[in-house]
């Protein structure tokens, strides 16, 4: 077992001991500073009690968005030096460019895909994205990710674990790319119609 895998397993076991409160705690801190994703607790906790999977997804979403708001406020007050402790200038510049150009879409992409959401919560506060836009993007993206996991486990139980392990990360990236392409096509079509 690699060192990263061991850390993931130990963290999951620690938070799993506290049930839904462990899930809520991890979801919150993951959105601010914790490097381990909420999924490592949400999935096994839901597998222990599939009937509760959707409630766990809801709890994870609420806690994650609340943590995201905390990260946003920290970004507003502590600013760029906080990000500089964790990321290179090149990566910070990329995040800035994404958020400045795409705003809420950048937050939504980070919230739904494997991209670390916490960096975008803090950076959103730094670049001063509108708070309501940030919250809506966070609710939609985090909710979509966690409810996909919860719904699969609720419907097919143990079999969902293998599907999520194999396809979750790739699937979220593909869905995001399809949505981006659909948005760009819609935008292009709207501009084209206006020119006529």
Foldseek 3Di string as FASTA:
>chain_A
DDPVVVVLVVLLVVLVVVQLVSLLVCLLVLLADDVHDSCSNLQVSCLVPLQCSQVSLVSSLVSNLNSLQVLLVCLLPVNDVVVVVPDPPVVLVVLLVCCVVPNLLSLLLCLAAVNRNNVNSSVCNRNVRPPVSNSVSSSVRSSVLSNVSSVLCNVPRPVSVVVCVPPRRVVSVVVSVVVVVVVVVVVVVVVVVVVD
